[in-house]
Amino acid sequence: MTRERTVGELAEILGGEVVRGDPSLRVRRVASIEDANEGAIAAMWNLRYAPALSRTRASAVMLG
């Protein structure tokens, strides 16, 4: 069962904030930054993956 959440809801749950973009954007799944596509949220905790930010197709990215 897939449960959609908005980026704003996820930011609130995780104690973060939406820095740029639409907090009402809905995401349906989590994926790696390399494999993400529309409807996915990806996370980037390591700066070695920073170049992938310009190539990702994720709808949203969490930065840490």
Protein backbone atom coordinates (compact mmCIF):
# COMPACT_ATOMS: atom_id res chain seq x y z
CA MET A 1 0.00 0.00 0.00
CA THR A 2 1.43 3.33 -1.07
CA ARG A 3 0.69 6.40 0.97
CA GLU A 4 1.31 9.77 -0.59
CA ARG A 5 2.66 12.57 1.55
CA THR A 6 3.40 16.17 0.74
CA VAL A 7 6.93 17.50 0.97
CA GLY A 8 5.68 19.87 3.69
CA GLU A 9 4.25 16.98 5.73
CA LEU A 10 7.53 15.08 5.47
CA ALA A 11 9.52 18.14 6.50
CA GLU A 12 7.30 18.57 9.55
CA ILE A 13 7.57 14.88 10.53
CA LEU A 14 11.37 14.98 10.18
CA GLY A 15 11.80 18.34 11.91
CA GLY A 16 13.08 20.02 8.77
CA GLU A 17 11.89 22.74 6.45
CA VAL A 18 11.08 23.17 2.78
CA VAL A 19 13.88 25.44 1.61
CA ARG A 20 12.90 25.75 -2.02
CA GLY A 21 9.93 24.49 -3.98
CA ASP A 22 6.29 23.74 -3.35
CA PRO A 23 5.52 22.24 0.08
CA SER A 24 2.25 20.84 -1.30
CA LEU A 25 4.12 18.66 -3.83
CA ARG A 26 3.09 15.02 -3.33
CA VAL A 27 5.60 12.18 -3.29
CA ARG A 28 4.72 8.48 -3.42
CA ARG A 29 7.97 6.65 -2.80
CA VAL A 30 11.58 6.89 -1.64
CA ALA A 31 14.43 6.16 -4.05
CA SER A 32 18.17 6.62 -4.32
CA ILE A 33 19.24 9.91 -5.85
CA GLU A 34 20.53 8.03 -8.91
CA ASP A 35 17.39 5.91 -9.44
CA ALA A 36 14.67 8.39 -8.45
CA ASN A 37 12.09 9.60 -10.94
CA GLU A 38 8.91 11.65 -10.86
CA GLY A 39 6.89 11.08 -7.70
CA ALA A 40 9.95 10.00 -5.69
CA ILE A 41 11.85 11.68 -2.89
CA ALA A 42 15.56 11.02 -2.51
CA ALA A 43 18.00 11.79 0.30
CA MET A 44 21.52 13.10 0.06
CA TRP A 45 23.59 12.95 3.25
CA ASN A 46 27.05 12.76 1.69
CA LEU A 47 28.59 15.54 -0.39
CA ARG A 48 30.25 13.04 -2.72
CA TYR A 49 26.79 12.64 -4.29
CA ALA A 50 26.39 16.41 -4.86
CA PRO A 51 27.02 16.13 -8.64
CA ALA A 52 24.00 13.79 -8.85
CA LEU A 53 21.72 16.64 -7.75
CA SER A 54 21.88 18.18 -11.20
CA ARG A 55 21.00 14.85 -12.85
CA THR A 56 18.36 13.41 -10.53
CA ARG A 57 14.79 13.09 -11.74
CA ALA A 58 13.42 13.00 -8.18
CA SER A 59 10.47 15.24 -7.45
CA ALA A 60 12.15 16.25 -4.17
CA VAL A 61 15.48 15.77 -2.41
CA MET A 62 16.16 15.81 1.34
CA LEU A 63 19.54 17.28 2.23
CA GLY A 64 21.33 16.53 5.44
